[in-house]
Each structure stands twice: as structure tokens, then as C-alpha cells.
PDB file of N, CA and C in Angstrom:
ATOM      1  N   MET A   1      47.456 -68.963  29.565  1.00  0.00           N
ATOM      2  CA  MET A   1      46.846 -68.058  28.156  1.00  0.00           C
ATOM      3  C   MET A   1      47.646 -68.608  27.026  1.00  0.00           C
ATOM      4  N   PRO A   2      46.816 -68.663  25.950  1.00  0.00           N
ATOM      5  CA  PRO A   2      47.907 -68.746  24.510  1.00  0.00           C
ATOM      6  C   PRO A   2      48.705 -67.664  24.355  1.00  0.00           C
ATOM      7  N   ARG A   3      49.935 -67.860  23.513  1.00  0.00           N
ATOM      8  CA  ARG A   3      50.557 -66.160  23.505  1.00  0.00           C
ATOM      9  C   ARG A   3      49.512 -65.387  22.377  1.00  0.00           C
ATOM     10  N   ALA A   4      49.147 -66.121  21.456  1.00  0.00           N
ATOM     11  CA  ALA A   4      48.408 -65.294  20.558  1.00  0.00           C
ATOM     12  C   ALA A   4      47.779 -64.245  21.359  1.00  0.00           C
ATOM     13  N   LEU A   5      46.837 -64.704  22.436  1.00  0.00           N
ATOM     14  CA  LEU A   5      45.980 -63.782  22.966  1.00  0.00           C
ATOM     15  C   LEU A   5      46.406 -63.264  23.949  1.00  0.00           C
ATOM     16  N   SER A   6      47.847 -62.927  24.420  1.00  0.00           N
ATOM     17  CA  SER A   6      47.785 -62.181  25.571  1.00  0.00           C
ATOM     18  C   SER A   6      48.594 -60.532  24.936  1.00  0.00           C
ATOM     19  N   PHE A   7      48.581 -60.654  23.447  1.00  0.00           N
ATOM     20  CA  PHE A   7      48.914 -59.151  22.930  1.00  0.00           C
ATOM     21  C   PHE A   7      47.597 -58.675  22.612  1.00  0.00           C
ATOM     22  N   LEU A   8      46.494 -59.530  22.863  1.00  0.00           N
ATOM     23  CA  LEU A   8      45.018 -58.535  22.485  1.00  0.00           C
ATOM     24  C   LEU A   8      44.639 -58.539  23.540  1.00  0.00           C
ATOM     25  N   ILE A   9      44.982 -58.409  24.822  1.00  0.00           N
ATOM     26  CA  ILE A   9      44.122 -58.016  25.990  1.00  0.00           C
ATOM     27  C   ILE A   9      44.454 -56.424  26.058  1.00  0.00           C
ATOM     28  N   PRO A  10      45.599 -56.453  26.040  1.00  0.00           N
ATOM     29  CA  PRO A  10      46.261 -54.893  26.153  1.00  0.00           C
ATOM     30  C   PRO A  10      45.859 -53.922  24.946  1.00  0.00           C
ATOM     31  N   LEU A  11      45.821 -54.465  23.906  1.00  0.00           N
ATOM     32  CA  LEU A  11      45.249 -54.133  22.552  1.00  0.00           C
ATOM     33  C   LEU A  11      43.554 -53.578  22.734  1.00  0.00           C
ATOM     34  N   ALA A  12      43.079 -54.608  23.794  1.00  0.00           N
ATOM     35  CA  ALA A  12      41.637 -53.933  23.661  1.00  0.00           C
ATOM     36  C   ALA A  12      41.398 -53.072  24.803  1.00  0.00           C
ATOM     37  N   VAL A  13      42.574 -53.145  25.758  1.00  0.00           N
ATOM     38  CA  VAL A  13      41.894 -52.144  26.592  1.00  0.00           C
ATOM     39  C   VAL A  13      42.070 -50.716  26.139  1.00  0.00           C
ATOM     40  N   LEU A  14      43.512 -50.893  25.527  1.00  0.00           N
ATOM     41  CA  LEU A  14      43.662 -49.598  24.683  1.00  0.00           C
ATOM     42  C   LEU A  14      42.586 -48.964  23.964  1.00  0.00           C
ATOM     43  N   ALA A  15      41.909 -50.001  23.007  1.00  0.00           N
ATOM     44  CA  ALA A  15      40.811 -49.220  22.113  1.00  0.00           C
ATOM     45  C   ALA A  15      39.619 -49.037  22.625  1.00  0.00           C
ATOM     46  N   ALA A  16      39.744 -49.346  24.251  1.00  0.00           N
ATOM     47  CA  ALA A  16      37.872 -49.267  24.547  1.00  0.00           C
ATOM     48  C   ALA A  16      37.454 -47.886  24.288  1.00  0.00           C
ATOM     49  N   PRO A  17      39.147 -46.612  25.123  1.00  0.00           N
ATOM     50  CA  PRO A  17      37.889 -45.781  25.077  1.00  0.00           C
ATOM     51  C   PRO A  17      37.730 -44.764  23.262  1.00  0.00           C
ATOM     52  N   LEU A  18      37.989 -45.701  22.483  1.00  0.00           N
ATOM     53  CA  LEU A  18      38.108 -45.095  21.230  1.00  0.00           C
ATOM     54  C   LEU A  18      36.519 -45.166  20.555  1.00  0.00           C
ATOM     55  N   ALA A  19      35.883 -46.199  21.544  1.00  0.00           N
ATOM     56  CA  ALA A  19      34.510 -46.538  21.198  1.00  0.00           C
ATOM     57  C   ALA A  19      33.596 -45.560  21.584  1.00  0.00           C
ATOM     58  N   VAL A  20      34.277 -44.870  22.938  1.00  0.00           N
ATOM     59  CA  VAL A  20      33.059 -43.920  23.145  1.00  0.00           C
ATOM     60  C   VAL A  20      32.533 -42.956  22.341  1.00  0.00           C
ATOM     61  N   PRO A  21      33.693 -41.738  21.875  1.00  0.00           N
ATOM     62  CA  PRO A  21      33.027 -40.958  20.565  1.00  0.00           C
ATOM     63  C   PRO A  21      32.481 -41.610  19.276  1.00  0.00           C
ATOM     64  N   ILE A  22      32.402 -42.805  19.281  1.00  0.00           N
ATOM     65  CA  ILE A  22      31.062 -43.309  17.988  1.00  0.00           C
ATOM     66  C   ILE A  22      30.259 -43.433  18.882  1.00  0.00           C
ATOM     67  N   THR A  23      30.151 -43.760  19.718  1.00  0.00           N
ATOM     68  CA  THR A  23      28.429 -44.220  20.639  1.00  0.00           C
ATOM     69  C   THR A  23      27.795 -42.576  21.021  1.00  0.00           C
ATOM     70  N   ALA A  24      28.708 -41.554  21.222  1.00  0.00           N
ATOM     71  CA  ALA A  24      28.214 -40.551  21.362  1.00  0.00           C
ATOM     72  C   ALA A  24      27.890 -39.687  19.794  1.00  0.00           C
ATOM     73  N   LEU A  25      28.295 -39.930  18.811  1.00  0.00           N
ATOM     74  CA  LEU A  25      28.446 -39.624  17.765  1.00  0.00           C
ATOM     75  C   LEU A  25      26.686 -39.796  17.271  1.00  0.00           C
ATOM     76  N   ALA A  26      26.440 -41.509  17.852  1.00  0.00           N
ATOM     77  CA  ALA A  26      24.986 -42.432  17.236  1.00  0.00           C
ATOM     78  C   ALA A  26      24.193 -41.761  18.217  1.00  0.00           C
ATOM     79  N   ALA A  27      24.413 -40.916  19.169  1.00  0.00           N
ATOM     80  CA  ALA A  27      23.353 -40.829  20.114  1.00  0.00           C
ATOM     81  C   ALA A  27      23.108 -39.146  19.891  1.00  0.00           C
ATOM     82  N   GLU A  28      23.222 -38.722  19.222  1.00  0.00           N
ATOM     83  CA  GLU A  28      22.909 -37.550  18.528  1.00  0.00           C
ATOM     84  C   GLU A  28      21.392 -37.772  18.154  1.00  0.00           C
ATOM     85  N   GLN A  29      20.545 -36.650  18.744  1.00  0.00           N
ATOM     86  CA  GLN A  29      19.013 -37.009  17.913  1.00  0.00           C
ATOM     87  C   GLN A  29      18.951 -36.357  16.865  1.00  0.00           C
ATOM     88  N   GLU A  30      18.246 -36.875  15.969  1.00  0.00           N
ATOM     89  CA  GLU A  30      17.619 -35.888  14.401  1.00  0.00           C
ATOM     90  C   GLU A  30      16.239 -35.315  14.600  1.00  0.00           C
ATOM     91  N   PHE A  31      16.206 -34.389  14.262  1.00  0.00           N
ATOM     92  CA  PHE A  31      14.867 -33.853  13.728  1.00  0.00           C
ATOM     93  C   PHE A  31      14.847 -32.844  12.512  1.00  0.00           C
ATOM     94  N   VAL A  32      14.096 -33.506  11.884  1.00  0.00           N
ATOM     95  CA  VAL A  32      13.366 -32.924  10.356  1.00  0.00           C
ATOM     96  C   VAL A  32      12.776 -31.795  10.457  1.00  0.00           C
ATOM     97  N   ILE A  33      13.181 -31.212   9.167  1.00  0.00           N
ATOM     98  CA  ILE A  33      12.450 -29.683   9.199  1.00  0.00           C
ATOM     99  C   ILE A  33      12.268 -29.983   7.602  1.00  0.00           C
ATOM    100  N   VAL A  34      11.028 -30.029   6.876  1.00  0.00           N
ATOM    101  CA  VAL A  34      10.523 -30.228   6.013  1.00  0.00           C
ATOM    102  C   VAL A  34      10.259 -28.412   5.640  1.00  0.00           C
ATOM    103  N   ILE A  35      11.049 -28.603   3.899  1.00  0.00           N
ATOM    104  CA  ILE A  35      10.624 -27.067   3.077  1.00  0.00           C
ATOM    105  C   ILE A  35       9.280 -27.641   1.791  1.00  0.00           C
ATOM    106  N   SER A  36       8.170 -26.902   2.094  1.00  0.00           N
ATOM    107  CA  SER A  36       7.171 -27.458   1.397  1.00  0.00           C
ATOM    108  C   SER A  36       6.440 -25.914   0.717  1.00  0.00           C
ATOM    109  N   ASN A  37       6.391 -25.749  -0.564  1.00  0.00           N
ATOM    110  CA  ASN A  37       5.874 -24.159  -0.939  1.00  0.00           C
ATOM    111  C   ASN A  37       6.234 -23.309   0.163  1.00  0.00           C
ATOM    112  N   HIS A  38       7.281 -23.350   0.124  1.00  0.00           N
ATOM    113  CA  HIS A  38       8.319 -22.175   0.745  1.00  0.00           C
ATOM    114  C   HIS A  38       8.340 -21.535   2.300  1.00  0.00           C
ATOM    115  N   LYS A  39       7.921 -23.028   2.858  1.00  0.00           N
ATOM    116  CA  LYS A  39       7.584 -22.561   4.361  1.00  0.00           C
ATOM    117  C   LYS A  39       8.114 -23.864   5.029  1.00  0.00           C
ATOM    118  N   PHE A  40       8.800 -23.535   6.289  1.00  0.00           N
ATOM    119  CA  PHE A  40       9.749 -24.479   7.552  1.00  0.00           C
ATOM    120  C   PHE A  40       8.167 -25.462   7.558  1.00  0.00           C
ATOM    121  N   GLU A  41       8.271 -26.658   7.899  1.00  0.00           N
ATOM    122  CA  GLU A  41       7.507 -27.676   8.552  1.00  0.00           C
ATOM    123  C   GLU A  41       7.814 -28.522   9.485  1.00  0.00           C
ATOM    124  N   PRO A  42       7.929 -28.632  10.775  1.00  0.00           N
ATOM    125  CA  PRO A  42       7.386 -27.480  11.142  1.00  0.00           C
ATOM    126  C   PRO A  42       7.853 -26.213  11.606  1.00  0.00           C
ATOM    127  N   SER A  43       7.328 -25.269  12.068  1.00  0.00           N
ATOM    128  CA  SER A  43       7.752 -24.081  11.733  1.00  0.00           C
ATOM    129  C   SER A  43       8.589 -24.142  13.147  1.00  0.00           C
ATOM    130  N   GLU A  44       8.058 -24.238  14.406  1.00  0.00           N
ATOM    131  CA  GLU A  44       8.801 -24.386  15.852  1.00  0.00           C
ATOM    132  C   GLU A  44       9.567 -25.824  15.947  1.00  0.00           C
ATOM    133  N   VAL A  45      10.784 -26.421  16.320  1.00  0.00           N
ATOM    134  CA  VAL A  45      11.223 -27.728  16.675  1.00  0.00           C
ATOM    135  C   VAL A  45      11.544 -27.918  17.868  1.00  0.00           C
ATOM    136  N   THR A  46      11.299 -28.438  18.935  1.00  0.00           N
ATOM    137  CA  THR A  46      11.550 -28.274  20.247  1.00  0.00           C
ATOM    138  C   THR A  46      13.188 -29.281  20.300  1.00  0.00           C
ATOM    139  N   VAL A  47      14.063 -28.932  20.632  1.00  0.00           N
ATOM    140  CA  VAL A  47      15.149 -30.139  21.238  1.00  0.00           C
ATOM    141  C   VAL A  47      15.949 -29.997  22.127  1.00  0.00           C
ATOM    142  N   PRO A  48      16.340 -30.650  22.839  1.00  0.00           N
ATOM    143  CA  PRO A  48      16.635 -30.925  23.879  1.00  0.00           C
ATOM    144  C   PRO A  48      17.898 -30.027  24.242  1.00  0.00           C
ATOM    145  N   ALA A  49      17.858 -29.322  25.545  1.00  0.00           N
ATOM    146  CA  ALA A  49      19.132 -28.230  26.100  1.00  0.00           C
ATOM    147  C   ALA A  49      20.248 -28.515  26.270  1.00  0.00           C
ATOM    148  N   ASN A  50      21.526 -28.625  26.040  1.00  0.00           N
ATOM    149  CA  ASN A  50      22.321 -28.965  26.361  1.00  0.00           C
ATOM    150  C   ASN A  50      23.229 -30.408  25.219  1.00  0.00           C
ATOM    151  N   GLU A  51      22.793 -30.247  24.500  1.00  0.00           N
ATOM    152  CA  GLU A  51      22.654 -31.664  23.538  1.00  0.00           C
ATOM    153  C   GLU A  51      23.418 -31.262  21.977  1.00  0.00           C
ATOM    154  N   LYS A  52      24.194 -32.219  21.688  1.00  0.00           N
ATOM    155  CA  LYS A  52      24.002 -31.595  19.733  1.00  0.00           C
ATOM    156  C   LYS A  52      22.922 -32.293  19.373  1.00  0.00           C
ATOM    157  N   VAL A  53      22.577 -31.884  18.303  1.00  0.00           N
ATOM    158  CA  VAL A  53      21.601 -32.348  17.862  1.00  0.00           C
ATOM    159  C   VAL A  53      21.437 -32.184  15.824  1.00  0.00           C
ATOM    160  N   ARG A  54      20.736 -33.372  15.649  1.00  0.00           N
ATOM    161  CA  ARG A  54      21.086 -32.960  14.126  1.00  0.00           C
ATOM    162  C   ARG A  54      20.127 -32.300  13.400  1.00  0.00           C
ATOM    163  N   LEU A  55      19.751 -31.172  12.531  1.00  0.00           N
ATOM    164  CA  LEU A  55      18.658 -30.779  11.971  1.00  0.00           C
ATOM    165  C   LEU A  55      18.707 -31.438  10.109  1.00  0.00           C
ATOM    166  N   VAL A  56      17.893 -32.357   9.891  1.00  0.00           N
ATOM    167  CA  VAL A  56      17.686 -32.344   8.812  1.00  0.00           C
ATOM    168  C   VAL A  56      17.073 -31.753   7.733  1.00  0.00           C
ATOM    169  N   ILE A  57      17.358 -30.678   7.084  1.00  0.00           N
ATOM    170  CA  ILE A  57      16.578 -30.202   6.405  1.00  0.00           C
ATOM    171  C   ILE A  57      16.136 -31.075   4.826  1.00  0.00           C
ATOM    172  N   ASP A  58      14.843 -31.307   4.826  1.00  0.00           N
ATOM    173  CA  ASP A  58      14.537 -31.873   3.320  1.00  0.00           C
ATOM    174  C   ASP A  58      13.529 -31.079   2.589  1.00  0.00           C
ATOM    175  N   ASN A  59      14.232 -30.921   1.492  1.00  0.00           N
ATOM    176  CA  ASN A  59      13.364 -29.263   0.906  1.00  0.00           C
ATOM    177  C   ASN A  59      12.805 -30.329  -0.495  1.00  0.00           C
ATOM    178  N   ARG A  60      11.122 -30.323  -0.511  1.00  0.00           N
ATOM    179  CA  ARG A  60      10.614 -31.193  -1.217  1.00  0.00           C
ATOM    180  C   ARG A  60      10.306 -29.847  -2.394  1.00  0.00           C
ATOM    181  N   ASP A  61      10.648 -28.698  -2.248  1.00  0.00           N
ATOM    182  CA  ASP A  61      10.520 -27.571  -3.469  1.00  0.00           C
ATOM    183  C   ASP A  61      11.211 -28.077  -4.618  1.00  0.00           C
ATOM    184  N   SER A  62      10.711 -27.456  -5.294  1.00  0.00           N
ATOM    185  CA  SER A  62      11.691 -27.478  -6.609  1.00  0.00           C
ATOM    186  C   SER A  62      12.498 -26.959  -6.827  1.00  0.00           C
ATOM    187  N   THR A  63      12.953 -25.424  -5.951  1.00  0.00           N
ATOM    188  CA  THR A  63      14.097 -24.268  -6.314  1.00  0.00           C
ATOM    189  C   THR A  63      14.502 -24.560  -4.824  1.00  0.00           C
ATOM    190  N   ALA A  64      15.753 -24.062  -4.852  1.00  0.00           N
ATOM    191  CA  ALA A  64      17.006 -24.316  -3.539  1.00  0.00           C
ATOM    192  C   ALA A  64      16.687 -23.282  -2.654  1.00  0.00           C
ATOM    193  N   GLU A  65      16.557 -23.751  -1.542  1.00  0.00           N
ATOM    194  CA  GLU A  65      16.600 -22.678  -0.323  1.00  0.00           C
ATOM    195  C   GLU A  65      17.589 -22.458   0.402  1.00  0.00           C
ATOM    196  N   GLU A  66      17.657 -21.488   1.076  1.00  0.00           N
ATOM    197  CA  GLU A  66      19.173 -20.804   2.025  1.00  0.00           C
ATOM    198  C   GLU A  66      18.538 -21.352   3.316  1.00  0.00           C
ATOM    199  N   PHE A  67      18.879 -22.480   4.655  1.00  0.00           N
ATOM    200  CA  PHE A  67      18.778 -21.926   5.536  1.00  0.00           C
ATOM    201  C   PHE A  67      19.269 -21.409   6.296  1.00  0.00           C
ATOM    202  N   GLU A  68      19.251 -20.091   7.275  1.00  0.00           N
ATOM    203  CA  GLU A  68      19.924 -19.388   7.818  1.00  0.00           C
ATOM    204  C   GLU A  68      19.603 -19.027   9.192  1.00  0.00           C
ATOM    205  N   SER A  69      20.480 -19.117  10.199  1.00  0.00           N
ATOM    206  CA  SER A  69      20.292 -18.990  11.321  1.00  0.00           C
ATOM    207  C   SER A  69      21.168 -18.058  12.018  1.00  0.00           C
ATOM    208  N   LYS A  70      21.308 -16.933  12.244  1.00  0.00           N
ATOM    209  CA  LYS A  70      22.551 -16.093  12.790  1.00  0.00           C
ATOM    210  C   LYS A  70      22.345 -16.358  14.201  1.00  0.00           C
ATOM    211  N   SER A  71      21.866 -16.986  15.149  1.00  0.00           N
ATOM    212  CA  SER A  71      21.574 -16.834  16.651  1.00  0.00           C
ATOM    213  C   SER A  71      22.487 -18.275  16.872  1.00  0.00           C
ATOM    214  N   LEU A  72      21.937 -19.467  15.624  1.00  0.00           N
ATOM    215  CA  LEU A  72      22.909 -21.093  15.782  1.00  0.00           C
ATOM    216  C   LEU A  72      24.121 -20.752  14.639  1.00  0.00           C
ATOM    217  N   LYS A  73      24.245 -19.748  14.030  1.00  0.00           N
ATOM    218  CA  LYS A  73      25.477 -19.378  13.474  1.00  0.00           C
ATOM    219  C   LYS A  73      25.819 -20.574  12.374  1.00  0.00           C
ATOM    220  N   ARG A  74      24.603 -20.749  11.630  1.00  0.00           N
ATOM    221  CA  ARG A  74      24.261 -21.739  10.447  1.00  0.00           C
ATOM    222  C   ARG A  74      23.942 -20.710   9.176  1.00  0.00           C
ATOM    223  N   GLU A  75      24.534 -21.338   8.142  1.00  0.00           N
ATOM    224  CA  GLU A  75      23.936 -21.268   6.869  1.00  0.00           C
ATOM    225  C   GLU A  75      24.220 -22.263   5.799  1.00  0.00           C
ATOM    226  N   LYS A  76      23.099 -22.734   5.287  1.00  0.00           N
ATOM    227  CA  LYS A  76      23.355 -23.894   4.294  1.00  0.00           C
ATOM    228  C   LYS A  76      22.140 -24.159   2.997  1.00  0.00           C
ATOM    229  N   VAL A  77      22.631 -24.175   1.812  1.00  0.00           N
ATOM    230  CA  VAL A  77      21.957 -23.701   0.795  1.00  0.00           C
ATOM    231  C   VAL A  77      21.856 -25.307   0.376  1.00  0.00           C
ATOM    232  N   VAL A  78      20.187 -25.637   0.308  1.00  0.00           N
ATOM    233  CA  VAL A  78      19.380 -26.958   0.340  1.00  0.00           C
ATOM    234  C   VAL A  78      19.401 -27.024  -1.114  1.00  0.00           C
ATOM    235  N   ALA A  79      19.708 -27.653  -2.121  1.00  0.00           N
ATOM    236  CA  ALA A  79      19.215 -27.510  -3.624  1.00  0.00           C
ATOM    237  C   ALA A  79      17.515 -27.937  -3.532  1.00  0.00           C
ATOM    238  N   GLY A  80      16.507 -27.951  -4.533  1.00  0.00           N
ATOM    239  CA  GLY A  80      15.341 -28.578  -4.541  1.00  0.00           C
ATOM    240  C   GLY A  80      15.580 -30.015  -5.047  1.00  0.00           C
ATOM    241  N   LYS A  81      14.246 -30.643  -4.194  1.00  0.00           N
ATOM    242  CA  LYS A  81      14.228 -31.882  -4.136  1.00  0.00           C
ATOM    243  C   LYS A  81      15.516 -32.644  -3.367  1.00  0.00           C
ATOM    244  N   SER A  82      16.159 -31.971  -2.248  1.00  0.00           N
ATOM    245  CA  SER A  82      17.217 -32.728  -1.424  1.00  0.00           C
ATOM    246  C   SER A  82      17.408 -32.489  -0.426  1.00  0.00           C
ATOM    247  N   LYS A  83      18.096 -32.960   0.302  1.00  0.00           N
ATOM    248  CA  LYS A  83      17.957 -33.086   1.853  1.00  0.00           C
ATOM    249  C   LYS A  83      19.665 -31.983   2.180  1.00  0.00           C
ATOM    250  N   ALA A  84      20.021 -31.966   3.019  1.00  0.00           N
ATOM    251  CA  ALA A  84      20.895 -31.284   4.179  1.00  0.00           C
ATOM    252  C   ALA A  84      20.885 -31.527   5.122  1.00  0.00           C
ATOM    253  N   THR A  85      22.139 -32.015   6.375  1.00  0.00           N
ATOM    254  CA  THR A  85      22.289 -32.093   7.750  1.00  0.00           C
ATOM    255  C   THR A  85      23.012 -31.241   8.198  1.00  0.00           C
ATOM    256  N   ILE A  86      22.065 -30.820   9.314  1.00  0.00           N
ATOM    257  CA  ILE A  86      23.029 -29.471   9.888  1.00  0.00           C
ATOM    258  C   ILE A  86      23.067 -29.538  11.558  1.00  0.00           C
ATOM    259  N   VAL A  87      24.508 -29.757  11.886  1.00  0.00           N
ATOM    260  CA  VAL A  87      24.720 -30.071  13.638  1.00  0.00           C
ATOM    261  C   VAL A  87      24.839 -28.919  14.187  1.00  0.00           C
ATOM    262  N   VAL A  88      23.927 -29.081  15.180  1.00  0.00           N
ATOM    263  CA  VAL A  88      23.928 -27.255  16.307  1.00  0.00           C
ATOM    264  C   VAL A  88      24.534 -28.013  17.683  1.00  0.00           C
ATOM    265  N   GLY A  89      24.452 -27.177  18.410  1.00  0.00           N
ATOM    266  CA  GLY A  89      24.289 -27.189  19.849  1.00  0.00           C
ATOM    267  C   GLY A  89      25.657 -28.030  20.553  1.00  0.00           C
ATOM    268  N   PRO A  90      26.142 -28.121  21.528  1.00  0.00           N
ATOM    269  CA  PRO A  90      24.755 -28.009  22.675  1.00  0.00           C
ATOM    270  C   PRO A  90      24.400 -26.549  22.697  1.00  0.00           C
ATOM    271  N   LEU A  91      23.244 -26.725  22.730  1.00  0.00           N
ATOM    272  CA  LEU A  91      22.549 -25.224  23.014  1.00  0.00           C
ATOM    273  C   LEU A  91      21.646 -25.151  24.321  1.00  0.00           C
ATOM    274  N   ALA A  92      21.928 -23.852  25.038  1.00  0.00           N
ATOM    275  CA  ALA A  92      21.624 -23.480  26.005  1.00  0.00           C
ATOM    276  C   ALA A  92      20.300 -23.004  26.260  1.00  0.00           C
ATOM    277  N   PRO A  93      19.349 -23.390  27.309  1.00  0.00           N
ATOM    278  CA  PRO A  93      17.850 -23.305  27.000  1.00  0.00           C
ATOM    279  C   PRO A  93      17.698 -21.417  26.318  1.00  0.00           C
ATOM    280  N   GLY A  94      16.526 -21.796  25.168  1.00  0.00           N
ATOM    281  CA  GLY A  94      16.442 -20.754  24.164  1.00  0.00           C
ATOM    282  C   GLY A  94      15.545 -20.803  23.397  1.00  0.00           C
ATOM    283  N   ARG A  95      15.447 -19.665  22.740  1.00  0.00           N
ATOM    284  CA  ARG A  95      14.800 -20.080  21.216  1.00  0.00           C
ATOM    285  C   ARG A  95      15.951 -19.504  20.380  1.00  0.00           C
ATOM    286  N   TYR A  96      16.100 -19.911  19.023  1.00  0.00           N
ATOM    287  CA  TYR A  96      16.896 -19.793  17.990  1.00  0.00           C
ATOM    288  C   TYR A  96      16.106 -19.917  16.869  1.00  0.00           C
ATOM    289  N   PRO A  97      16.021 -18.477  16.389  1.00  0.00           N
ATOM    290  CA  PRO A  97      15.120 -18.160  14.893  1.00  0.00           C
ATOM    291  C   PRO A  97      15.794 -18.717  13.564  1.00  0.00           C
ATOM    292  N   PHE A  98      15.401 -19.141  12.762  1.00  0.00           N
ATOM    293  CA  PHE A  98      15.596 -19.344  11.538  1.00  0.00           C
ATOM    294  C   PHE A  98      15.499 -18.824  10.581  1.00  0.00           C
ATOM    295  N   VAL A  99      15.379 -18.872   9.147  1.00  0.00           N
ATOM    296  CA  VAL A  99      14.624 -18.503   8.241  1.00  0.00           C
ATOM    297  C   VAL A  99      15.503 -18.824   6.890  1.00  0.00           C
ATOM    298  N   GLY A 100      14.490 -19.148   6.120  1.00  0.00           N
ATOM    299  CA  GLY A 100      14.845 -19.497   4.353  1.00  0.00           C
ATOM    300  C   GLY A 100      15.142 -18.135   3.888  1.00  0.00           C
ATOM    301  N   GLU A 101      16.331 -18.042   3.659  1.00  0.00           N
ATOM    302  CA  GLU A 101      16.632 -16.865   2.946  1.00  0.00           C
ATOM    303  C   GLU A 101      16.228 -16.017   1.793  1.00  0.00           C
ATOM    304  N   TYR A 102      15.895 -16.895   0.879  1.00  0.00           N
ATOM    305  CA  TYR A 102      15.614 -16.819  -0.288  1.00  0.00           C
ATOM    306  C   TYR A 102      13.620 -16.623  -0.503  1.00  0.00           C
ATOM    307  N   ASN A 103      13.261 -17.140   0.826  1.00  0.00           N
ATOM    308  CA  ASN A 103      11.414 -16.521   0.617  1.00  0.00           C
ATOM    309  C   ASN A 103      11.717 -16.148   2.194  1.00  0.00           C
ATOM    310  N   GLU A 104      11.969 -15.268   2.719  1.00  0.00           N
ATOM    311  CA  GLU A 104      12.156 -14.434   4.303  1.00  0.00           C
ATOM    312  C   GLU A 104      10.608 -14.397   4.520  1.00  0.00           C
ATOM    313  N   LYS A 105       9.615 -13.872   3.432  1.00  0.00           N
ATOM    314  CA  LYS A 105       8.093 -13.726   4.232  1.00  0.00           C
ATOM    315  C   LYS A 105       7.719 -14.950   4.427  1.00  0.00           C
ATOM    316  N   THR A 106       8.230 -16.162   3.747  1.00  0.00           N
ATOM    317  CA  THR A 106       7.174 -17.023   4.189  1.00  0.00           C
ATOM    318  C   THR A 106       7.672 -18.341   5.186  1.00  0.00           C
ATOM    319  N   ALA A 107       9.003 -18.598   4.963  1.00  0.00           N
ATOM    320  CA  ALA A 107      10.218 -19.479   5.263  1.00  0.00           C
ATOM    321  C   ALA A 107      10.733 -18.988   6.544  1.00  0.00           C
ATOM    322  N   GLN A 108       9.997 -18.970   7.598  1.00  0.00           N
ATOM    323  CA  GLN A 108      10.104 -18.464   9.062  1.00  0.00           C
ATOM    324  C   GLN A 108      10.282 -19.905  10.342  1.00  0.00           C
ATOM    325  N   GLY A 109      10.933 -19.974  11.130  1.00  0.00           N
ATOM    326  CA  GLY A 109      10.745 -20.989  12.137  1.00  0.00           C
ATOM    327  C   GLY A 109      11.798 -20.528  13.273  1.00  0.00           C
ATOM    328  N   VAL A 110      11.733 -21.366  13.818  1.00  0.00           N
ATOM    329  CA  VAL A 110      12.262 -21.527  15.492  1.00  0.00           C
ATOM    330  C   VAL A 110      12.586 -22.760  16.205  1.00  0.00           C
ATOM    331  N   VAL A 111      13.866 -22.648  16.205  1.00  0.00           N
ATOM    332  CA  VAL A 111      14.465 -24.319  17.341  1.00  0.00           C
ATOM    333  C   VAL A 111      14.086 -23.478  18.516  1.00  0.00           C
ATOM    334  N   VAL A 112      13.720 -24.380  19.467  1.00  0.00           N
ATOM    335  CA  VAL A 112      13.605 -24.279  20.919  1.00  0.00           C
ATOM    336  C   VAL A 112      14.002 -25.210  21.703  1.00  0.00           C
ATOM    337  N   ALA A 113      14.950 -24.549  22.168  1.00  0.00           N
ATOM    338  CA  ALA A 113      15.672 -25.757  23.315  1.00  0.00           C
ATOM    339  C   ALA A 113      15.479 -25.387  24.901  1.00  0.00           C
ATOM    340  N   LYS A 114      14.906 -26.742  25.253  1.00  0.00           N
ATOM    341  CA  LYS A 114      14.328 -26.916  26.402  1.00  0.00           C
ATOM    342  C   LYS A 114      15.216 -28.102  27.330  1.00  0.00           C
TER     343      LYS A 114
END
């Protein structure tokens, strides 16, 4: 074996475990929730239980909205005409309500982990 390759093999063996977290991050599923007319669409999002997922909040209204969920322990202000990503989980099976704090009467929803 050429001498130049002899040091690369141990390096590759040491670096292999580092690829696992990158793969795990890429495997997170993404779920889009649109804010339009001060309502969440869809208002119910079903996600896999016991897995981390990304919620992409797409605020199509011209005004800001705050995504808030006490059960998910997340709060995020999403400026008008912009998006925000919120990572949650792994979630036990169940229902996790959320609201748009600036428009609580109309902006309501739930994440359902199954």
C-alpha cells in the first residue's frame, strides 16, 4: 500500500462516526404551517411520535404573529411575510395545542404526535 494512503485509512475510520449526526439531522421531517388571515392552515398537524421534527411557520399575513405552545415549550415571533423554523421533539404520543398569541381567537391549532 502506498505510504500516502496508509494514514488515510485510520483517519477515515475515525471520521465515520461523525457522519451519523449529519445524517440524523437530514432525516428530520418538515411540516409546514401557514398563517393566513390570522389562522393556522392546517390547524391540525400530525407528526410521528418519538421523533424530532421541524415545524416551518410560513406567515403570509403582512403583520407579525407569535407562535406559542406551552405544551411544546416553544415561542417564536414570525414577522409578516416571512418564515421561521421550530424544532420539536421527540414527542410522546398526544396532542400539543398552539396559538397565535396576537390573534388567539382565530389562530389556534394542535400538533398530534402518533
